Amino acid sequence: MSKGNSSTCIVILSPDSMSIASSPGGINEAQAWATLRTVSADGTGVFSQLRIESMQENKIGLEVEASLLILALKSADSGEQTTIKLRNKDGRALLSFEVVTQSIPMMTVIQDVPVRVLSAQQVDSVQEPVADSPTVRLMSPPIKSLSTVVERLKCLHDRILLKGNMNGELEIGVATDMAFMTTFWKDLPSPTVDGEGPQPRDSSKRAEAYVDAATLSRVFTAHSLKPSQAICCMMDQGARSLVVWLLFMGASDCVTYYMPVLDDSVPVPDAQDDRAGCIGPSGSCVGDSGAKAGSGRPRVPPREGGGGHRLVRDVPCVEERSG
């Protein structure tokens, strides 16, 4: 099995659930895991009917080219009805999509996706990362807002600093030789976990970590899934530290992103040394008319949801222009 190959994904089917894992490599690789119900009484499962039989306790594991699977799923989404079969043709394993079109007259379009059937040992080796109890666990700001922020920040640096505490505060920022820019939220609730009571507010329980900007940007493109809620977790596990984002679609469907923490040896400028203008919620420049006389510090404009943007150090403020 080609572990760590970002162009492939692993699909594991069982009578109750379907798991999809991208790049299921080691702990130092970013990974994404989706767990979905296969069939449900309320009709919200992936399939309306499912029959699965195997000698591996009715569990089937497949390795498939991600781009080909996406194309087949897009075709299925536009059809009236789709039947998916695992079959063998000329000695090759294929995932066959039989799509009944909505056109008149109706037609059945068959799209075959080459797959590799995994052995029981290979299926057992595909394990979701194990993470200890998080140091910080917060309900996430809207994923679409985070995506907008990270798209701007990654233009400044290839690594992004995340800071959070159990007082409901979260910061996302970058540091360069010329500037330190951060976006912050406050009053974020802390989700409860089965077997635990509500977590008290505690600013001393804090965590910070650098993550790869491109990886974080890809994570936040998941706003297109329209999750009902999202949770940010930061786990301090020494060399195995992780930042985890969980996106929930309904009661039990979940997509989890595991991001390894980068080396934090690069110093970050002190945010108390801010002397320049602020970046407003829309990304436009904001003047320092709100600063106290002689303080040299502008007032950070309010932001819906308790957030704001701050740019520090003496750098030119460049206006965003359309076109």
Protein backbone atom coordinates (compact mmCIF):
# COMPACT_ATOMS: atom_id res chain seq x y z
CA MET A 1 0.00 0.00 0.00
CA SER A 2 1.44 3.35 -1.01
CA LYS A 3 1.34 5.06 2.37
CA GLY A 4 1.70 8.81 2.36
CA ASN A 5 0.73 9.14 -1.28
CA SER A 6 -1.42 12.27 -1.25
CA SER A 7 -2.99 11.33 -4.61
CA THR A 8 -4.62 8.21 -3.19
CA CYS A 9 -7.08 7.60 -0.41
CA ILE A 10 -8.21 4.59 1.57
CA VAL A 11 -11.90 3.63 1.74
CA ILE A 12 -13.01 1.15 4.40
CA LEU A 13 -16.59 -0.11 4.17
CA SER A 14 -18.53 -1.97 6.85
CA PRO A 15 -22.26 -2.57 7.33
CA ASP A 16 -22.51 0.38 9.74
CA SER A 17 -19.99 2.96 8.55
CA MET A 18 -17.70 4.12 5.80
CA SER A 19 -14.30 5.63 6.57
CA ILE A 20 -12.20 7.60 4.09
CA ALA A 21 -8.60 8.45 4.91
CA SER A 22 -6.28 10.65 2.90
CA SER A 23 -2.53 10.16 3.16
CA PRO A 24 -2.67 7.62 5.98
CA GLY A 25 1.02 7.87 6.81
CA GLY A 26 2.98 8.49 9.99
CA ILE A 27 2.32 10.89 12.82
CA ASN A 28 4.41 13.59 11.13
CA GLU A 29 2.10 13.75 8.11
CA ALA A 30 -1.09 15.79 7.87
CA GLN A 31 -4.06 13.47 7.61
CA ALA A 32 -7.77 13.75 6.99
CA TRP A 33 -10.33 11.18 8.15
CA ALA A 34 -14.03 11.08 7.36
CA THR A 35 -16.44 8.77 9.18
CA LEU A 36 -19.92 8.48 7.67
CA ARG A 37 -22.97 6.35 8.37
CA THR A 38 -23.67 3.91 5.54
CA VAL A 39 -27.41 3.36 6.13
CA SER A 40 -29.66 5.11 8.65
CA ALA A 41 -33.34 4.89 9.53
CA ASP A 42 -33.88 8.60 8.90
CA GLY A 43 -32.48 8.37 5.36
CA THR A 44 -29.39 10.49 6.04
CA GLY A 45 -26.87 7.71 5.44
CA VAL A 46 -24.59 7.50 2.41
CA PHE A 47 -26.62 4.65 0.88
CA SER A 48 -30.34 3.90 0.80
CA GLN A 49 -29.52 0.16 0.68
CA LEU A 50 -26.28 -1.71 1.30
CA ARG A 51 -25.14 -5.30 0.94
CA ILE A 52 -21.57 -6.06 1.91
CA GLU A 53 -20.03 -9.49 2.31
CA SER A 54 -16.41 -10.41 2.90
CA MET A 55 -14.27 -12.89 4.81
CA GLN A 56 -12.91 -9.98 6.87
CA GLU A 57 -15.92 -9.67 9.21
CA ASN A 58 -17.86 -7.99 6.39
CA LYS A 59 -15.27 -5.23 6.12
CA ILE A 60 -13.71 -4.21 2.79
CA GLY A 61 -10.71 -1.92 2.35
CA LEU A 62 -9.85 -0.24 -0.95
CA GLU A 63 -7.04 1.99 -2.15
CA VAL A 64 -8.18 4.34 -4.91
CA GLU A 65 -6.90 7.30 -6.87
CA ALA A 66 -8.59 10.29 -5.22
CA SER A 67 -9.11 12.29 -8.42
CA LEU A 68 -10.84 9.37 -10.18
CA LEU A 69 -13.10 8.73 -7.19
CA ILE A 70 -14.07 12.41 -7.07
CA LEU A 71 -15.00 12.41 -10.78
CA ALA A 72 -17.18 9.33 -10.33
CA LEU A 73 -18.91 10.82 -7.27
CA LYS A 74 -19.62 14.05 -9.14
CA SER A 75 -21.24 12.04 -11.93
CA ALA A 76 -23.29 10.13 -9.37
CA ASP A 77 -24.41 13.34 -7.70
CA SER A 78 -25.95 14.57 -10.94
CA GLY A 79 -27.83 11.31 -11.59
CA GLU A 80 -31.28 10.15 -10.62
CA GLN A 81 -30.03 6.96 -9.00
CA THR A 82 -26.61 5.35 -8.55
CA THR A 83 -25.63 1.77 -7.84
CA ILE A 84 -22.04 1.07 -6.78
CA LYS A 85 -20.56 -2.41 -7.20
CA LEU A 86 -17.15 -3.87 -6.51
CA ARG A 87 -16.34 -6.25 -9.35
CA ASN A 88 -13.50 -7.94 -11.13
CA LYS A 89 -12.90 -7.39 -14.83
CA ASP A 90 -9.99 -8.93 -16.75
CA GLY A 91 -8.17 -9.57 -13.50
CA ARG A 92 -8.56 -5.99 -12.28
CA ALA A 93 -10.63 -4.83 -9.30
CA LEU A 94 -13.03 -2.05 -10.23
CA LEU A 95 -15.49 0.10 -8.32
CA SER A 96 -18.30 0.37 -10.84
CA PHE A 97 -20.71 3.33 -10.70
CA GLU A 98 -23.95 2.70 -12.60
CA VAL A 99 -25.62 6.11 -12.86
CA VAL A 100 -29.19 6.48 -14.11
CA THR A 101 -29.35 9.91 -15.73
CA GLN A 102 -32.13 12.46 -15.32
CA SER A 103 -32.35 13.00 -19.07
CA ILE A 104 -35.27 11.93 -21.25
CA PRO A 105 -35.08 9.16 -22.26
CA MET A 106 -33.24 7.89 -19.20
CA MET A 107 -29.87 6.26 -19.75
CA THR A 108 -27.52 4.28 -17.57
CA VAL A 109 -23.93 5.48 -17.61
CA ILE A 110 -21.29 3.11 -16.22
CA GLN A 111 -18.05 4.56 -14.89
CA ASP A 112 -15.37 2.16 -13.67
CA VAL A 113 -12.77 3.30 -11.14
CA PRO A 114 -9.68 1.06 -10.71
CA VAL A 115 -9.08 0.11 -7.06
CA ARG A 116 -6.78 -2.14 -5.09
CA VAL A 117 -8.43 -4.42 -2.57
CA LEU A 118 -6.52 -4.44 0.69
CA SER A 119 -5.77 -7.53 2.71
CA ALA A 120 -7.08 -7.91 6.25
CA GLN A 121 -3.62 -7.07 7.60
CA GLN A 122 -3.43 -3.91 5.49
CA VAL A 123 -6.90 -2.81 6.59
CA ASP A 124 -5.93 -3.28 10.24
CA SER A 125 -2.78 -1.21 9.70
CA VAL A 126 -4.83 1.81 8.58
CA GLN A 127 -5.47 3.43 11.95
CA GLU A 128 -6.69 6.89 12.78
CA PRO A 129 -4.12 8.87 14.83
CA VAL A 130 -4.47 8.48 18.58
CA ALA A 131 -4.53 11.82 20.37
CA ASP A 132 -4.50 12.42 24.10
CA SER A 133 -6.91 14.76 25.83
CA PRO A 134 -6.39 18.21 24.33
CA THR A 135 -4.78 21.03 26.27
CA VAL A 136 -7.19 23.44 24.57
CA ARG A 137 -10.61 22.51 23.18
CA LEU A 138 -12.79 25.27 21.68
CA MET A 139 -15.79 25.59 19.41
CA SER A 140 -14.33 26.88 16.16
CA PRO A 141 -15.19 30.20 14.54
CA PRO A 142 -17.01 29.79 11.19
CA ILE A 143 -14.83 27.73 8.85
CA LYS A 144 -15.50 30.06 5.91
CA SER A 145 -14.22 33.03 7.93
CA LEU A 146 -11.12 31.06 8.90
CA SER A 147 -10.54 30.18 5.26
CA THR A 148 -10.62 33.85 4.26
CA VAL A 149 -8.16 34.78 7.01
CA VAL A 150 -5.69 31.98 6.24
CA GLU A 151 -5.73 32.71 2.50
CA ARG A 152 -4.45 36.21 3.30
CA LEU A 153 -1.97 35.11 5.94
CA LYS A 154 -0.33 32.43 3.79
CA CYS A 155 0.67 35.14 1.30
CA LEU A 156 2.91 36.55 4.06
CA HIS A 157 4.51 33.36 5.36
CA ASP A 158 4.54 29.59 4.83
CA ARG A 159 3.82 28.84 8.49
CA ILE A 160 1.02 30.05 10.70
CA LEU A 161 0.95 30.46 14.46
CA LEU A 162 -2.10 29.24 16.38
CA LYS A 163 -2.72 30.29 19.98
CA GLY A 164 -5.63 29.29 22.17
CA ASN A 165 -6.67 29.05 25.79
CA MET A 166 -9.54 27.67 27.80
CA ASN A 167 -10.83 31.17 28.41
CA GLY A 168 -12.37 31.01 24.94
CA GLU A 169 -9.66 32.92 23.07
CA LEU A 170 -8.14 31.87 19.74
CA GLU A 171 -5.52 33.64 17.62
CA ILE A 172 -4.24 32.86 14.13
CA GLY A 173 -1.27 34.86 12.92
CA VAL A 174 2.03 35.04 11.04
CA ALA A 175 5.40 36.55 11.90
CA THR A 176 7.92 37.90 9.41
CA ASP A 177 11.04 40.06 9.73
CA MET A 178 8.88 43.12 9.07
CA ALA A 179 5.51 42.37 10.62
CA PHE A 180 3.39 40.31 12.93
CA MET A 181 -0.26 39.99 11.91
CA THR A 182 -2.88 38.16 13.94
CA THR A 183 -6.62 37.58 13.85
CA PHE A 184 -8.28 36.80 17.15
CA TRP A 185 -11.58 35.61 18.53
CA LYS A 186 -12.85 35.64 22.09
CA ASP A 187 -15.75 34.17 24.08
CA LEU A 188 -15.61 30.89 22.17
CA PRO A 189 -17.39 28.11 24.10
CA SER A 190 -15.61 24.95 25.14
CA PRO A 191 -17.48 21.81 24.00
CA THR A 192 -18.32 19.16 26.56
CA VAL A 193 -17.20 15.56 26.17
CA ASP A 194 -19.09 12.42 27.18
CA GLY A 195 -18.31 11.67 30.80
CA GLU A 196 -17.10 15.19 31.54
CA GLY A 197 -18.91 18.21 32.89
CA PRO A 198 -18.66 21.75 31.49
CA GLN A 199 -15.08 23.01 31.37
CA PRO A 200 -14.45 26.11 33.55
CA ARG A 201 -12.92 29.20 31.98
CA ASP A 202 -9.18 29.14 32.60
CA SER A 203 -6.76 31.37 30.70
CA SER A 204 -3.80 29.51 32.25
CA LYS A 205 -4.67 26.42 30.20
CA ARG A 206 -3.17 27.54 26.94
CA ALA A 207 -1.37 26.13 23.93
CA GLU A 208 0.34 27.49 20.86
CA ALA A 209 1.76 25.85 17.77
CA TYR A 210 3.07 26.54 14.29
CA VAL A 211 1.41 24.67 11.43
CA ASP A 212 2.03 24.61 7.70
CA ALA A 213 0.06 27.43 6.02
CA ALA A 214 -0.76 25.44 2.88
CA THR A 215 -2.06 22.52 4.96
CA LEU A 216 -4.25 24.78 7.09
CA SER A 217 -5.58 26.45 3.95
CA ARG A 218 -6.61 23.07 2.51
CA VAL A 219 -8.32 22.16 5.77
CA PHE A 220 -10.48 25.26 5.70
CA THR A 221 -11.64 24.69 2.13
CA ALA A 222 -13.91 22.18 3.87
CA HIS A 223 -16.33 25.06 4.50
CA SER A 224 -17.96 23.83 1.26
CA LEU A 225 -19.19 20.83 3.30
CA LYS A 226 -21.30 23.27 5.33
CA PRO A 227 -20.57 21.66 8.69
CA SER A 228 -23.15 22.15 11.42
CA GLN A 229 -20.36 22.78 13.93
CA ALA A 230 -16.59 22.57 14.21
CA ILE A 231 -14.16 22.08 17.08
CA CYS A 232 -10.50 23.10 17.35
CA CYS A 233 -8.24 21.00 19.59
CA MET A 234 -4.60 21.65 20.42
CA MET A 235 -2.66 18.77 21.96
CA ASP A 236 0.76 19.18 23.55
CA GLN A 237 2.35 15.75 23.22
CA GLY A 238 5.99 16.78 22.90
CA ALA A 239 7.37 15.49 19.61
CA ARG A 240 3.88 14.20 18.74
CA SER A 241 2.03 17.48 19.23
CA LEU A 242 -1.02 17.92 17.02
CA VAL A 243 -3.60 20.48 16.02
CA VAL A 244 -6.92 18.80 15.25
CA TRP A 245 -9.98 20.29 13.58
CA LEU A 246 -13.23 18.33 13.73
CA LEU A 247 -16.11 19.17 11.37
CA PHE A 248 -19.51 17.67 12.11
CA MET A 249 -22.21 17.11 9.50
CA GLY A 250 -25.25 16.02 11.46
CA ALA A 251 -25.32 13.80 14.53
CA SER A 252 -22.60 11.27 13.70
CA ASP A 253 -20.90 12.15 10.39
CA CYS A 254 -17.53 13.77 11.01
CA VAL A 255 -14.41 14.85 9.11
CA THR A 256 -11.26 15.14 11.25
CA TYR A 257 -8.05 16.85 10.18
CA TYR A 258 -4.80 16.06 11.98
CA MET A 259 -1.97 18.56 11.50
CA PRO A 260 1.52 17.99 12.93
CA VAL A 261 3.13 20.89 14.76
CA LEU A 262 6.18 22.52 13.15
CA ASP A 263 9.39 23.48 14.90
CA ASP A 264 8.86 26.64 16.96
CA SER A 265 12.48 27.80 16.93
CA VAL A 266 11.69 30.89 14.84
CA PRO A 267 10.99 33.76 17.26
CA VAL A 268 7.72 35.64 17.13
CA PRO A 269 7.68 39.42 17.64
CA ASP A 270 6.00 40.61 20.82
CA ALA A 271 2.46 41.72 20.01
CA GLN A 272 2.80 44.45 22.65
CA ASP A 273 5.18 46.33 20.34
CA ASP A 274 2.46 47.18 17.84
CA ARG A 275 2.86 50.64 16.38
CA ALA A 276 1.14 50.50 13.00
CA GLY A 277 -2.41 50.57 11.65
CA CYS A 278 -4.93 47.76 11.91
CA ILE A 279 -6.37 45.48 9.31
CA GLY A 280 -10.14 45.66 9.41
CA PRO A 281 -12.45 42.67 9.08
CA SER A 282 -12.72 43.15 5.32
CA GLY A 283 -8.95 43.31 4.87
CA SER A 284 -8.92 47.05 4.17
CA CYS A 285 -6.64 49.49 5.99
CA VAL A 286 -7.90 51.17 9.12
CA GLY A 287 -6.39 54.40 10.37
CA ASP A 288 -5.16 55.08 13.88
CA SER A 289 -7.68 57.77 14.76
CA GLY A 290 -8.91 55.58 17.63
CA ALA A 291 -5.52 55.53 19.37
CA LYS A 292 -4.89 57.45 22.56
CA ALA A 293 -2.68 60.48 22.17
CA GLY A 294 0.94 59.54 22.61
CA SER A 295 0.21 55.84 23.01
CA GLY A 296 1.32 54.89 19.51
CA ARG A 297 -1.22 52.06 19.61
CA PRO A 298 -4.35 52.02 17.44
CA ARG A 299 -7.63 50.71 18.69
CA VAL A 300 -8.47 47.36 17.17
CA PRO A 301 -11.80 47.62 15.35
CA PRO A 302 -14.59 45.35 16.61
CA ARG A 303 -15.32 42.20 14.68
CA GLU A 304 -18.48 40.14 14.56
CA GLY A 305 -18.13 37.08 16.76
CA GLY A 306 -15.61 38.70 19.06
CA GLY A 307 -12.76 38.84 16.56
CA GLY A 308 -10.47 41.47 15.21
CA HIS A 309 -7.31 41.93 13.20
CA ARG A 310 -4.05 43.50 14.26
CA LEU A 311 -0.91 44.40 12.34
CA VAL A 312 2.18 45.35 14.29
CA ARG A 313 5.60 46.76 13.48
CA ASP A 314 6.34 49.70 11.19
CA VAL A 315 5.32 48.47 7.77
CA PRO A 316 3.45 50.17 4.92
CA CYS A 317 -0.28 49.48 4.87
CA VAL A 318 -1.32 48.29 1.41
CA GLU A 319 -4.94 48.64 0.37
CA GLU A 320 -6.76 45.73 -1.14
CA ARG A 321 -7.97 46.46 -4.66
CA SER A 322 -10.44 44.60 -6.81
CA GLY A 323 -9.59 43.49 -10.29
